Amino acid sequence: MFATEPNQFSAAATSQWAAQLQLVSALNKTTLDGFTRLAELNKRTVQEAMSNSTAALSQMRSQEQPSSMYYPAQSAIDGARNYGQQAADIYKDLGAEYLRLMQESMALAGVPAGAFPKA
């Protein structure tokens, strides 16, 4: 009877260790995916800003009236607003994924479902 207890304890500890390792791995993957998405967004935003700046500069050189400067400024404002919305969406997706992973981890640990934070 006592001979099986160390084996049972060892199996439970191994299972718990594997679950924790799986959670850390999933969190790392989610974080890396989020950073990749943000890096791609930043790269795309810089490319668009450079393209828009070049086009705006060409347009301003060809026109003589300063009233035409409204378009480049509005374009920059729209670009910043679009960037902010896309970055917020990425952070929102990351938060939801972190919450899902933590809920799964808590369920494996036997924490009652009512103790989970709401998404």
PDB file of N, CA and C in Angstrom:
ATOM      1  N   MET A   1       0.820  -1.186   0.000  1.00  0.00           N
ATOM      2  CA  MET A   1       0.000   0.000   0.000  1.00  0.00           C
ATOM      3  C   MET A   1       0.865   1.252   0.000  1.00  0.00           C
ATOM      4  N   PHE A   2       1.890   1.298   0.832  1.00  0.00           N
ATOM      5  CA  PHE A   2       2.745   2.467   0.905  1.00  0.00           C
ATOM      6  C   PHE A   2       3.678   2.560  -0.295  1.00  0.00           C
ATOM      7  N   ALA A   3       3.910   1.474  -0.968  1.00  0.00           N
ATOM      8  CA  ALA A   3       4.822   1.465  -2.107  1.00  0.00           C
ATOM      9  C   ALA A   3       4.241   2.234  -3.292  1.00  0.00           C
ATOM     10  N   THR A   4       2.923   2.280  -3.427  1.00  0.00           N
ATOM     11  CA  THR A   4       2.316   2.975  -4.559  1.00  0.00           C
ATOM     12  C   THR A   4       2.175   4.466  -4.313  1.00  0.00           C
ATOM     13  N   GLU A   5       2.183   4.894  -3.089  1.00  0.00           N
ATOM     14  CA  GLU A   5       1.994   6.316  -2.803  1.00  0.00           C
ATOM     15  C   GLU A   5       3.085   7.186  -3.415  1.00  0.00           C
ATOM     16  N   PRO A   6       4.355   6.849  -3.316  1.00  0.00           N
ATOM     17  CA  PRO A   6       5.374   7.684  -3.983  1.00  0.00           C
ATOM     18  C   PRO A   6       5.173   7.738  -5.492  1.00  0.00           C
ATOM     19  N   ASN A   7       4.774   6.617  -6.073  1.00  0.00           N
ATOM     20  CA  ASN A   7       4.526   6.607  -7.508  1.00  0.00           C
ATOM     21  C   ASN A   7       3.336   7.489  -7.865  1.00  0.00           C
ATOM     22  N   GLN A   8       2.294   7.442  -7.054  1.00  0.00           N
ATOM     23  CA  GLN A   8       1.123   8.276  -7.304  1.00  0.00           C
ATOM     24  C   GLN A   8       1.473   9.753  -7.141  1.00  0.00           C
ATOM     25  N   PHE A   9       2.246  10.034  -6.094  1.00  0.00           N
ATOM     26  CA  PHE A   9       2.670  11.419  -5.877  1.00  0.00           C
ATOM     27  C   PHE A   9       3.537  11.896  -7.037  1.00  0.00           C
ATOM     28  N   SER A  10       4.447  11.049  -7.466  1.00  0.00           N
ATOM     29  CA  SER A  10       5.323  11.396  -8.572  1.00  0.00           C
ATOM     30  C   SER A  10       4.529  11.630  -9.855  1.00  0.00           C
ATOM     31  N   ALA A  11       3.528  10.797 -10.111  1.00  0.00           N
ATOM     32  CA  ALA A  11       2.701  10.967 -11.312  1.00  0.00           C
ATOM     33  C   ALA A  11       1.903  12.267 -11.234  1.00  0.00           C
ATOM     34  N   ALA A  12       1.376  12.580 -10.056  1.00  0.00           N
ATOM     35  CA  ALA A  12       0.614  13.820  -9.898  1.00  0.00           C
ATOM     36  C   ALA A  12       1.516  15.043 -10.059  1.00  0.00           C
ATOM     37  N   ALA A  13       2.708  14.972  -9.472  1.00  0.00           N
ATOM     38  CA  ALA A  13       3.650  16.085  -9.595  1.00  0.00           C
ATOM     39  C   ALA A  13       4.086  16.266 -11.043  1.00  0.00           C
ATOM     40  N   THR A  14       4.334  15.168 -11.725  1.00  0.00           N
ATOM     41  CA  THR A  14       4.728  15.232 -13.131  1.00  0.00           C
ATOM     42  C   THR A  14       3.614  15.824 -13.975  1.00  0.00           C
ATOM     43  N   SER A  15       2.387  15.406 -13.706  1.00  0.00           N
ATOM     44  CA  SER A  15       1.233  15.935 -14.439  1.00  0.00           C
ATOM     45  C   SER A  15       1.075  17.433 -14.193  1.00  0.00           C
ATOM     46  N   GLN A  16       1.221  17.847 -12.936  1.00  0.00           N
ATOM     47  CA  GLN A  16       1.101  19.265 -12.598  1.00  0.00           C
ATOM     48  C   GLN A  16       2.207  20.078 -13.262  1.00  0.00           C
ATOM     49  N   TRP A  17       3.416  19.551 -13.231  1.00  0.00           N
ATOM     50  CA  TRP A  17       4.551  20.220 -13.866  1.00  0.00           C
ATOM     51  C   TRP A  17       4.329  20.350 -15.367  1.00  0.00           C
ATOM     52  N   ALA A  18       3.809  19.313 -15.999  1.00  0.00           N
ATOM     53  CA  ALA A  18       3.538  19.349 -17.440  1.00  0.00           C
ATOM     54  C   ALA A  18       2.469  20.387 -17.762  1.00  0.00           C
ATOM     55  N   ALA A  19       1.439  20.478 -16.922  1.00  0.00           N
ATOM     56  CA  ALA A  19       0.377  21.468 -17.146  1.00  0.00           C
ATOM     57  C   ALA A  19       0.924  22.888 -17.013  1.00  0.00           C
ATOM     58  N   GLN A  20       1.774  23.113 -16.022  1.00  0.00           N
ATOM     59  CA  GLN A  20       2.363  24.446 -15.850  1.00  0.00           C
ATOM     60  C   GLN A  20       3.294  24.791 -17.007  1.00  0.00           C
ATOM     61  N   LEU A  21       4.048  23.832 -17.456  1.00  0.00           N
ATOM     62  CA  LEU A  21       4.944  24.051 -18.584  1.00  0.00           C
ATOM     63  C   LEU A  21       4.143  24.355 -19.853  1.00  0.00           C
ATOM     64  N   GLN A  22       3.042  23.662 -20.037  1.00  0.00           N
ATOM     65  CA  GLN A  22       2.179  23.906 -21.186  1.00  0.00           C
ATOM     66  C   GLN A  22       1.591  25.317 -21.125  1.00  0.00           C
ATOM     67  N   LEU A  23       1.183  25.765 -19.923  1.00  0.00           N
ATOM     68  CA  LEU A  23       0.642  27.110 -19.770  1.00  0.00           C
ATOM     69  C   LEU A  23       1.703  28.161 -20.091  1.00  0.00           C
ATOM     70  N   VAL A  24       2.892  27.999 -19.569  1.00  0.00           N
ATOM     71  CA  VAL A  24       3.970  28.955 -19.841  1.00  0.00           C
ATOM     72  C   VAL A  24       4.286  28.986 -21.333  1.00  0.00           C
ATOM     73  N   SER A  25       4.311  27.831 -21.948  1.00  0.00           N
ATOM     74  CA  SER A  25       4.567  27.764 -23.381  1.00  0.00           C
ATOM     75  C   SER A  25       3.475  28.490 -24.171  1.00  0.00           C
ATOM     76  N   ALA A  26       2.226  28.270 -23.805  1.00  0.00           N
ATOM     77  CA  ALA A  26       1.115  28.937 -24.492  1.00  0.00           C
ATOM     78  C   ALA A  26       1.159  30.447 -24.280  1.00  0.00           C
ATOM     79  N   LEU A  27       1.492  30.884 -23.068  1.00  0.00           N
ATOM     80  CA  LEU A  27       1.607  32.320 -22.804  1.00  0.00           C
ATOM     81  C   LEU A  27       2.742  32.936 -23.611  1.00  0.00           C
ATOM     82  N   ASN A  28       3.864  32.237 -23.690  1.00  0.00           N
ATOM     83  CA  ASN A  28       4.996  32.735 -24.489  1.00  0.00           C
ATOM     84  C   ASN A  28       4.631  32.835 -25.959  1.00  0.00           C
ATOM     85  N   LYS A  29       3.943  31.828 -26.474  1.00  0.00           N
ATOM     86  CA  LYS A  29       3.538  31.848 -27.886  1.00  0.00           C
ATOM     87  C   LYS A  29       2.576  33.003 -28.142  1.00  0.00           C
ATOM     88  N   THR A  30       1.619  33.201 -27.241  1.00  0.00           N
ATOM     89  CA  THR A  30       0.657  34.291 -27.390  1.00  0.00           C
ATOM     90  C   THR A  30       1.364  35.640 -27.364  1.00  0.00           C
ATOM     91  N   THR A  31       2.313  35.792 -26.447  1.00  0.00           N
ATOM     92  CA  THR A  31       3.058  37.043 -26.348  1.00  0.00           C
ATOM     93  C   THR A  31       3.868  37.292 -27.610  1.00  0.00           C
ATOM     94  N   LEU A  32       4.547  36.270 -28.093  1.00  0.00           N
ATOM     95  CA  LEU A  32       5.342  36.415 -29.309  1.00  0.00           C
ATOM     96  C   LEU A  32       4.452  36.750 -30.508  1.00  0.00           C
ATOM     97  N   ASP A  33       3.304  36.108 -30.612  1.00  0.00           N
ATOM     98  CA  ASP A  33       2.364  36.421 -31.693  1.00  0.00           C
ATOM     99  C   ASP A  33       1.907  37.878 -31.609  1.00  0.00           C
ATOM    100  N   GLY A  34       1.640  38.342 -30.393  1.00  0.00           N
ATOM    101  CA  GLY A  34       1.218  39.726 -30.212  1.00  0.00           C
ATOM    102  C   GLY A  34       2.305  40.706 -30.614  1.00  0.00           C
ATOM    103  N   PHE A  35       3.546  40.439 -30.199  1.00  0.00           N
ATOM    104  CA  PHE A  35       4.657  41.307 -30.589  1.00  0.00           C
ATOM    105  C   PHE A  35       4.860  41.289 -32.098  1.00  0.00           C
ATOM    106  N   THR A  36       4.681  40.136 -32.714  1.00  0.00           N
ATOM    107  CA  THR A  36       4.813  40.045 -34.165  1.00  0.00           C
ATOM    108  C   THR A  36       3.754  40.888 -34.859  1.00  0.00           C
ATOM    109  N   ARG A  37       2.514  40.792 -34.367  1.00  0.00           N
ATOM    110  CA  ARG A  37       1.435  41.593 -34.957  1.00  0.00           C
ATOM    111  C   ARG A  37       1.699  43.088 -34.791  1.00  0.00           C
ATOM    112  N   LEU A  38       2.205  43.484 -33.605  1.00  0.00           N
ATOM    113  CA  LEU A  38       2.521  44.898 -33.381  1.00  0.00           C
ATOM    114  C   LEU A  38       3.677  45.361 -34.269  1.00  0.00           C
ATOM    115  N   ALA A  39       4.685  44.516 -34.447  1.00  0.00           N
ATOM    116  CA  ALA A  39       5.815  44.873 -35.309  1.00  0.00           C
ATOM    117  C   ALA A  39       5.350  45.039 -36.757  1.00  0.00           C
ATOM    118  N   GLU A  40       4.474  44.152 -37.209  1.00  0.00           N
ATOM    119  CA  GLU A  40       3.951  44.272 -38.569  1.00  0.00           C
ATOM    120  C   GLU A  40       3.119  45.546 -38.723  1.00  0.00           C
ATOM    121  N   LEU A  41       2.319  45.857 -37.692  1.00  0.00           N
ATOM    122  CA  LEU A  41       1.522  47.086 -37.720  1.00  0.00           C
ATOM    123  C   LEU A  41       2.441  48.308 -37.769  1.00  0.00           C
ATOM    124  N   ASN A  42       3.480  48.307 -36.953  1.00  0.00           N
ATOM    125  CA  ASN A  42       4.419  49.434 -36.949  1.00  0.00           C
ATOM    126  C   ASN A  42       5.124  49.591 -38.291  1.00  0.00           C
ATOM    127  N   LYS A  43       5.546  48.474 -38.864  1.00  0.00           N
ATOM    128  CA  LYS A  43       6.223  48.520 -40.164  1.00  0.00           C
ATOM    129  C   LYS A  43       5.282  49.077 -41.236  1.00  0.00           C
ATOM    130  N   ARG A  44       4.067  48.570 -41.260  1.00  0.00           N
ATOM    131  CA  ARG A  44       3.086  49.028 -42.243  1.00  0.00           C
ATOM    132  C   ARG A  44       2.766  50.514 -42.041  1.00  0.00           C
ATOM    133  N   THR A  45       2.656  50.933 -40.787  1.00  0.00           N
ATOM    134  CA  THR A  45       2.342  52.327 -40.486  1.00  0.00           C
ATOM    135  C   THR A  45       3.468  53.254 -40.922  1.00  0.00           C
ATOM    136  N   VAL A  46       4.711  52.858 -40.664  1.00  0.00           N
ATOM    137  CA  VAL A  46       5.854  53.676 -41.083  1.00  0.00           C
ATOM    138  C   VAL A  46       5.902  53.772 -42.604  1.00  0.00           C
ATOM    139  N   GLN A  47       5.672  52.661 -43.295  1.00  0.00           N
ATOM    140  CA  GLN A  47       5.682  52.680 -44.756  1.00  0.00           C
ATOM    141  C   GLN A  47       4.588  53.597 -45.304  1.00  0.00           C
ATOM    142  N   GLU A  48       3.390  53.512 -44.708  1.00  0.00           N
ATOM    143  CA  GLU A  48       2.289  54.373 -45.155  1.00  0.00           C
ATOM    144  C   GLU A  48       2.584  55.840 -44.859  1.00  0.00           C
ATOM    145  N   ALA A  49       3.167  56.115 -43.691  1.00  0.00           N
ATOM    146  CA  ALA A  49       3.493  57.494 -43.332  1.00  0.00           C
ATOM    147  C   ALA A  49       4.536  58.070 -44.284  1.00  0.00           C
ATOM    148  N   MET A  50       5.537  57.281 -44.609  1.00  0.00           N
ATOM    149  CA  MET A  50       6.566  57.750 -45.544  1.00  0.00           C
ATOM    150  C   MET A  50       5.966  58.022 -46.924  1.00  0.00           C
ATOM    151  N   SER A  51       5.118  57.114 -47.370  1.00  0.00           N
ATOM    152  CA  SER A  51       4.474  57.276 -48.670  1.00  0.00           C
ATOM    153  C   SER A  51       3.569  58.505 -48.670  1.00  0.00           C
ATOM    154  N   ASN A  52       2.776  58.655 -47.602  1.00  0.00           N
ATOM    155  CA  ASN A  52       1.873  59.805 -47.516  1.00  0.00           C
ATOM    156  C   ASN A  52       2.653  61.116 -47.407  1.00  0.00           C
ATOM    157  N   SER A  53       3.755  61.108 -46.672  1.00  0.00           N
ATOM    158  CA  SER A  53       4.563  62.323 -46.532  1.00  0.00           C
ATOM    159  C   SER A  53       5.178  62.737 -47.869  1.00  0.00           C
ATOM    160  N   THR A  54       5.660  61.759 -48.592  1.00  0.00           N
ATOM    161  CA  THR A  54       6.237  62.046 -49.909  1.00  0.00           C
ATOM    162  C   THR A  54       5.180  62.597 -50.851  1.00  0.00           C
ATOM    163  N   ALA A  55       4.007  61.994 -50.843  1.00  0.00           N
ATOM    164  CA  ALA A  55       2.921  62.467 -51.698  1.00  0.00           C
ATOM    165  C   ALA A  55       2.462  63.857 -51.275  1.00  0.00           C
ATOM    166  N   ALA A  56       2.368  64.094 -49.976  1.00  0.00           N
ATOM    167  CA  ALA A  56       1.934  65.403 -49.485  1.00  0.00           C
ATOM    168  C   ALA A  56       2.959  66.480 -49.836  1.00  0.00           C
ATOM    169  N   LEU A  57       4.240  66.161 -49.705  1.00  0.00           N
ATOM    170  CA  LEU A  57       5.282  67.121 -50.048  1.00  0.00           C
ATOM    171  C   LEU A  57       5.232  67.467 -51.532  1.00  0.00           C
ATOM    172  N   SER A  58       5.046  66.472 -52.358  1.00  0.00           N
ATOM    173  CA  SER A  58       4.930  66.715 -53.799  1.00  0.00           C
ATOM    174  C   SER A  58       3.720  67.572 -54.105  1.00  0.00           C
ATOM    175  N   GLN A  59       2.630  67.309 -53.418  1.00  0.00           N
ATOM    176  CA  GLN A  59       1.398  68.073 -53.642  1.00  0.00           C
ATOM    177  C   GLN A  59       1.587  69.525 -53.186  1.00  0.00           C
ATOM    178  N   MET A  60       2.244  69.725 -52.043  1.00  0.00           N
ATOM    179  CA  MET A  60       2.436  71.094 -51.548  1.00  0.00           C
ATOM    180  C   MET A  60       3.378  71.888 -52.448  1.00  0.00           C
ATOM    181  N   ARG A  61       4.348  71.224 -53.021  1.00  0.00           N
ATOM    182  CA  ARG A  61       5.274  71.917 -53.927  1.00  0.00           C
ATOM    183  C   ARG A  61       4.568  72.385 -55.186  1.00  0.00           C
ATOM    184  N   SER A  62       3.591  71.596 -55.625  1.00  0.00           N
ATOM    185  CA  SER A  62       2.927  71.930 -56.887  1.00  0.00           C
ATOM    186  C   SER A  62       1.828  72.970 -56.725  1.00  0.00           C
ATOM    187  N   GLN A  63       1.383  73.216 -55.503  1.00  0.00           N
ATOM    188  CA  GLN A  63       0.300  74.176 -55.291  1.00  0.00           C
ATOM    189  C   GLN A  63       0.842  75.438 -54.630  1.00  0.00           C
ATOM    190  N   GLU A  64       0.205  76.530 -54.971  1.00  0.00           N
ATOM    191  CA  GLU A  64       0.677  77.809 -54.473  1.00  0.00           C
ATOM    192  C   GLU A  64      -0.096  78.294 -53.248  1.00  0.00           C
ATOM    193  N   GLN A  65      -1.263  77.752 -52.981  1.00  0.00           N
ATOM    194  CA  GLN A  65      -2.082  78.246 -51.875  1.00  0.00           C
ATOM    195  C   GLN A  65      -1.903  77.363 -50.642  1.00  0.00           C
ATOM    196  N   PRO A  66      -1.738  77.977 -49.487  1.00  0.00           N
ATOM    197  CA  PRO A  66      -1.547  77.201 -48.263  1.00  0.00           C
ATOM    198  C   PRO A  66      -2.804  76.471 -47.795  1.00  0.00           C
ATOM    199  N   SER A  67      -3.954  76.805 -48.337  1.00  0.00           N
ATOM    200  CA  SER A  67      -5.188  76.136 -47.913  1.00  0.00           C
ATOM    201  C   SER A  67      -5.188  74.655 -48.290  1.00  0.00           C
ATOM    202  N   SER A  68      -4.360  74.280 -49.236  1.00  0.00           N
ATOM    203  CA  SER A  68      -4.304  72.885 -49.658  1.00  0.00           C
ATOM    204  C   SER A  68      -3.537  72.016 -48.664  1.00  0.00           C
ATOM    205  N   MET A  69      -2.981  72.611 -47.619  1.00  0.00           N
ATOM    206  CA  MET A  69      -2.236  71.844 -46.626  1.00  0.00           C
ATOM    207  C   MET A  69      -3.159  71.074 -45.694  1.00  0.00           C
ATOM    208  N   TYR A  70      -4.446  71.326 -45.783  1.00  0.00           N
ATOM    209  CA  TYR A  70      -5.411  70.622 -44.930  1.00  0.00           C
ATOM    210  C   TYR A  70      -5.401  69.128 -45.209  1.00  0.00           C
ATOM    211  N   TYR A  71      -5.322  68.735 -46.461  1.00  0.00           N
ATOM    212  CA  TYR A  71      -5.371  67.316 -46.820  1.00  0.00           C
ATOM    213  C   TYR A  71      -4.257  66.498 -46.170  1.00  0.00           C
ATOM    214  N   PRO A  72      -2.987  66.902 -46.248  1.00  0.00           N
ATOM    215  CA  PRO A  72      -1.939  66.096 -45.599  1.00  0.00           C
ATOM    216  C   PRO A  72      -2.125  65.997 -44.083  1.00  0.00           C
ATOM    217  N   ALA A  73      -2.559  67.087 -43.452  1.00  0.00           N
ATOM    218  CA  ALA A  73      -2.770  67.050 -42.006  1.00  0.00           C
ATOM    219  C   ALA A  73      -3.900  66.094 -41.657  1.00  0.00           C
ATOM    220  N   GLN A  74      -4.977  66.142 -42.415  1.00  0.00           N
ATOM    221  CA  GLN A  74      -6.105  65.246 -42.161  1.00  0.00           C
ATOM    222  C   GLN A  74      -5.702  63.797 -42.398  1.00  0.00           C
ATOM    223  N   SER A  75      -4.888  63.562 -43.405  1.00  0.00           N
ATOM    224  CA  SER A  75      -4.405  62.213 -43.689  1.00  0.00           C
ATOM    225  C   SER A  75      -3.573  61.680 -42.520  1.00  0.00           C
ATOM    226  N   ALA A  76      -2.732  62.531 -41.940  1.00  0.00           N
ATOM    227  CA  ALA A  76      -1.908  62.112 -40.803  1.00  0.00           C
ATOM    228  C   ALA A  76      -2.777  61.816 -39.583  1.00  0.00           C
ATOM    229  N   ILE A  77      -3.792  62.620 -39.360  1.00  0.00           N
ATOM    230  CA  ILE A  77      -4.712  62.399 -38.233  1.00  0.00           C
ATOM    231  C   ILE A  77      -5.456  61.088 -38.418  1.00  0.00           C
ATOM    232  N   ASP A  78      -5.931  60.851 -39.619  1.00  0.00           N
ATOM    233  CA  ASP A  78      -6.642  59.594 -39.898  1.00  0.00           C
ATOM    234  C   ASP A  78      -5.716  58.391 -39.720  1.00  0.00           C
ATOM    235  N   GLY A  79      -4.466  58.531 -40.141  1.00  0.00           N
ATOM    236  CA  GLY A  79      -3.499  57.447 -39.983  1.00  0.00           C
ATOM    237  C   GLY A  79      -3.232  57.138 -38.520  1.00  0.00           C
ATOM    238  N   ALA A  80      -3.108  58.176 -37.706  1.00  0.00           N
ATOM    239  CA  ALA A  80      -2.873  57.973 -36.273  1.00  0.00           C
ATOM    240  C   ALA A  80      -4.089  57.324 -35.612  1.00  0.00           C
ATOM    241  N   ARG A  81      -5.257  57.762 -35.987  1.00  0.00           N
ATOM    242  CA  ARG A  81      -6.483  57.168 -35.435  1.00  0.00           C
ATOM    243  C   ARG A  81      -6.587  55.691 -35.834  1.00  0.00           C
ATOM    244  N   ASN A  82      -6.295  55.390 -37.081  1.00  0.00           N
ATOM    245  CA  ASN A  82      -6.342  54.015 -37.570  1.00  0.00           C
ATOM    246  C   ASN A  82      -5.310  53.141 -36.844  1.00  0.00           C
ATOM    247  N   TYR A  83      -4.106  53.681 -36.656  1.00  0.00           N
ATOM    248  CA  TYR A  83      -3.059  52.951 -35.941  1.00  0.00           C
ATOM    249  C   TYR A  83      -3.508  52.648 -34.513  1.00  0.00           C
ATOM    250  N   GLY A  84      -4.041  53.645 -33.840  1.00  0.00           N
ATOM    251  CA  GLY A  84      -4.503  53.456 -32.464  1.00  0.00           C
ATOM    252  C   GLY A  84      -5.570  52.389 -32.355  1.00  0.00           C
ATOM    253  N   GLN A  85      -6.509  52.385 -33.295  1.00  0.00           N
ATOM    254  CA  GLN A  85      -7.577  51.383 -33.274  1.00  0.00           C
ATOM    255  C   GLN A  85      -7.023  49.986 -33.514  1.00  0.00           C
ATOM    256  N   GLN A  86      -6.112  49.848 -34.457  1.00  0.00           N
ATOM    257  CA  GLN A  86      -5.535  48.536 -34.745  1.00  0.00           C
ATOM    258  C   GLN A  86      -4.683  48.037 -33.575  1.00  0.00           C
ATOM    259  N   ALA A  87      -3.920  48.937 -32.950  1.00  0.00           N
ATOM    260  CA  ALA A  87      -3.116  48.543 -31.788  1.00  0.00           C
ATOM    261  C   ALA A  87      -4.027  48.126 -30.642  1.00  0.00           C
ATOM    262  N   ALA A  88      -5.108  48.865 -30.426  1.00  0.00           N
ATOM    263  CA  ALA A  88      -6.063  48.509 -29.361  1.00  0.00           C
ATOM    264  C   ALA A  88      -6.686  47.147 -29.632  1.00  0.00           C
ATOM    265  N   ASP A  89      -6.991  46.857 -30.885  1.00  0.00           N
ATOM    266  CA  ASP A  89      -7.546  45.541 -31.234  1.00  0.00           C
ATOM    267  C   ASP A  89      -6.557  44.420 -30.921  1.00  0.00           C
ATOM    268  N   ILE A  90      -5.289  44.652 -31.207  1.00  0.00           N
ATOM    269  CA  ILE A  90      -4.266  43.644 -30.910  1.00  0.00           C
ATOM    270  C   ILE A  90      -4.183  43.409 -29.409  1.00  0.00           C
ATOM    271  N   TYR A  91      -4.142  44.491 -28.625  1.00  0.00           N
ATOM    272  CA  TYR A  91      -4.072  44.352 -27.166  1.00  0.00           C
ATOM    273  C   TYR A  91      -5.321  43.676 -26.612  1.00  0.00           C
ATOM    274  N   LYS A  92      -6.464  43.981 -27.189  1.00  0.00           N
ATOM    275  CA  LYS A  92      -7.721  43.355 -26.749  1.00  0.00           C
ATOM    276  C   LYS A  92      -7.686  41.853 -27.027  1.00  0.00           C
ATOM    277  N   ASP A  93      -7.218  41.472 -28.207  1.00  0.00           N
ATOM    278  CA  ASP A  93      -7.108  40.046 -28.549  1.00  0.00           C
ATOM    279  C   ASP A  93      -6.131  39.330 -27.618  1.00  0.00           C
ATOM    280  N   LEU A  94      -5.000  39.990 -27.319  1.00  0.00           N
ATOM    281  CA  LEU A  94      -4.024  39.393 -26.410  1.00  0.00           C
ATOM    282  C   LEU A  94      -4.621  39.206 -25.019  1.00  0.00           C
ATOM    283  N   GLY A  95      -5.326  40.202 -24.532  1.00  0.00           N
ATOM    284  CA  GLY A  95      -5.950  40.104 -23.218  1.00  0.00           C
ATOM    285  C   GLY A  95      -6.960  38.975 -23.147  1.00  0.00           C
ATOM    286  N   ALA A  96      -7.764  38.836 -24.194  1.00  0.00           N
ATOM    287  CA  ALA A  96      -8.755  37.763 -24.229  1.00  0.00           C
ATOM    288  C   ALA A  96      -8.073  36.390 -24.252  1.00  0.00           C
ATOM    289  N   GLU A  97      -6.999  36.281 -24.992  1.00  0.00           N
ATOM    290  CA  GLU A  97      -6.271  35.001 -25.059  1.00  0.00           C
ATOM    291  C   GLU A  97      -5.601  34.682 -23.730  1.00  0.00           C
ATOM    292  N   TYR A  98      -5.000  35.689 -23.084  1.00  0.00           N
ATOM    293  CA  TYR A  98      -4.411  35.472 -21.754  1.00  0.00           C
ATOM    294  C   TYR A  98      -5.476  35.015 -20.762  1.00  0.00           C
ATOM    295  N   LEU A  99      -6.625  35.664 -20.796  1.00  0.00           N
ATOM    296  CA  LEU A  99      -7.708  35.296 -19.885  1.00  0.00           C
ATOM    297  C   LEU A  99      -8.165  33.860 -20.141  1.00  0.00           C
ATOM    298  N   ARG A 100      -8.302  33.487 -21.418  1.00  0.00           N
ATOM    299  CA  ARG A 100      -8.713  32.125 -21.754  1.00  0.00           C
ATOM    300  C   ARG A 100      -7.694  31.106 -21.232  1.00  0.00           C
ATOM    301  N   LEU A 101      -6.417  31.392 -21.444  1.00  0.00           N
ATOM    302  CA  LEU A 101      -5.380  30.472 -20.973  1.00  0.00           C
ATOM    303  C   LEU A 101      -5.380  30.357 -19.448  1.00  0.00           C
ATOM    304  N   MET A 102      -5.559  31.456 -18.772  1.00  0.00           N
ATOM    305  CA  MET A 102      -5.580  31.416 -17.309  1.00  0.00           C
ATOM    306  C   MET A 102      -6.818  30.675 -16.800  1.00  0.00           C
ATOM    307  N   GLN A 103      -7.951  30.843 -17.465  1.00  0.00           N
ATOM    308  CA  GLN A 103      -9.153  30.114 -17.074  1.00  0.00           C
ATOM    309  C   GLN A 103      -8.954  28.612 -17.242  1.00  0.00           C
ATOM    310  N   GLU A 104      -8.326  28.211 -18.353  1.00  0.00           N
ATOM    311  CA  GLU A 104      -8.030  26.789 -18.563  1.00  0.00           C
ATOM    312  C   GLU A 104      -7.101  26.261 -17.465  1.00  0.00           C
ATOM    313  N   SER A 105      -6.101  27.050 -17.132  1.00  0.00           N
ATOM    314  CA  SER A 105      -5.158  26.650 -16.097  1.00  0.00           C
ATOM    315  C   SER A 105      -5.851  26.519 -14.746  1.00  0.00           C
ATOM    316  N   MET A 106      -6.716  27.464 -14.435  1.00  0.00           N
ATOM    317  CA  MET A 106      -7.439  27.418 -13.164  1.00  0.00           C
ATOM    318  C   MET A 106      -8.379  26.218 -13.124  1.00  0.00           C
ATOM    319  N   ALA A 107      -9.000  25.902 -14.254  1.00  0.00           N
ATOM    320  CA  ALA A 107      -9.896  24.746 -14.306  1.00  0.00           C
ATOM    321  C   ALA A 107      -9.114  23.455 -14.074  1.00  0.00           C
ATOM    322  N   LEU A 108      -7.926  23.358 -14.654  1.00  0.00           N
ATOM    323  CA  LEU A 108      -7.092  22.178 -14.437  1.00  0.00           C
ATOM    324  C   LEU A 108      -6.654  22.062 -12.979  1.00  0.00           C
ATOM    325  N   ALA A 109      -6.487  23.211 -12.330  1.00  0.00           N
ATOM    326  CA  ALA A 109      -6.069  23.219 -10.931  1.00  0.00           C
ATOM    327  C   ALA A 109      -7.245  22.967  -9.978  1.00  0.00           C
ATOM    328  N   GLY A 110      -8.454  22.903 -10.535  1.00  0.00           N
ATOM    329  CA  GLY A 110      -9.626  22.620  -9.704  1.00  0.00           C
ATOM    330  C   GLY A 110     -10.284  23.834  -9.089  1.00  0.00           C
ATOM    331  N   VAL A 111      -9.987  25.022  -9.583  1.00  0.00           N
ATOM    332  CA  VAL A 111     -10.633  26.234  -9.078  1.00  0.00           C
ATOM    333  C   VAL A 111     -12.047  26.274  -9.629  1.00  0.00           C
ATOM    334  N   PRO A 112     -13.064  26.549  -8.792  1.00  0.00           N
ATOM    335  CA  PRO A 112     -14.444  26.573  -9.253  1.00  0.00           C
ATOM    336  C   PRO A 112     -14.644  27.625 -10.365  1.00  0.00           C
ATOM    337  N   ALA A 113     -15.532  27.313 -11.288  1.00  0.00           N
ATOM    338  CA  ALA A 113     -15.763  28.183 -12.446  1.00  0.00           C
ATOM    339  C   ALA A 113     -16.250  29.574 -12.033  1.00  0.00           C
ATOM    340  N   GLY A 114     -16.959  29.688 -10.919  1.00  0.00           N
ATOM    341  CA  GLY A 114     -17.453  30.995 -10.468  1.00  0.00           C
ATOM    342  C   GLY A 114     -16.337  31.923 -10.051  1.00  0.00           C
ATOM    343  N   ALA A 115     -15.156  31.413  -9.812  1.00  0.00           N
ATOM    344  CA  ALA A 115     -14.022  32.248  -9.399  1.00  0.00           C
ATOM    345  C   ALA A 115     -13.298  32.857 -10.593  1.00  0.00           C
ATOM    346  N   PHE A 116     -13.660  32.460 -11.819  1.00  0.00           N
ATOM    347  CA  PHE A 116     -13.005  32.981 -13.011  1.00  0.00           C
ATOM    348  C   PHE A 116     -13.397  34.427 -13.244  1.00  0.00           C
ATOM    349  N   PRO A 117     -12.445  35.260 -13.657  1.00  0.00           N
ATOM    350  CA  PRO A 117     -12.795  36.620 -14.074  1.00  0.00           C
ATOM    351  C   PRO A 117     -13.611  36.576 -15.361  1.00  0.00           C
ATOM    352  N   LYS A 118     -14.467  37.535 -15.525  1.00  0.00           N
ATOM    353  CA  LYS A 118     -15.290  37.608 -16.744  1.00  0.00           C
ATOM    354  C   LYS A 118     -14.514  38.305 -17.836  1.00  0.00           C
ATOM    355  N   ALA A 119     -14.728  37.853 -19.072  1.00  0.00           N
ATOM    356  CA  ALA A 119     -14.040  38.438 -20.231  1.00  0.00           C
ATOM    357  C   ALA A 119     -14.615  39.779 -20.565  1.00  0.00           C
TER     358      ALA A 119
END
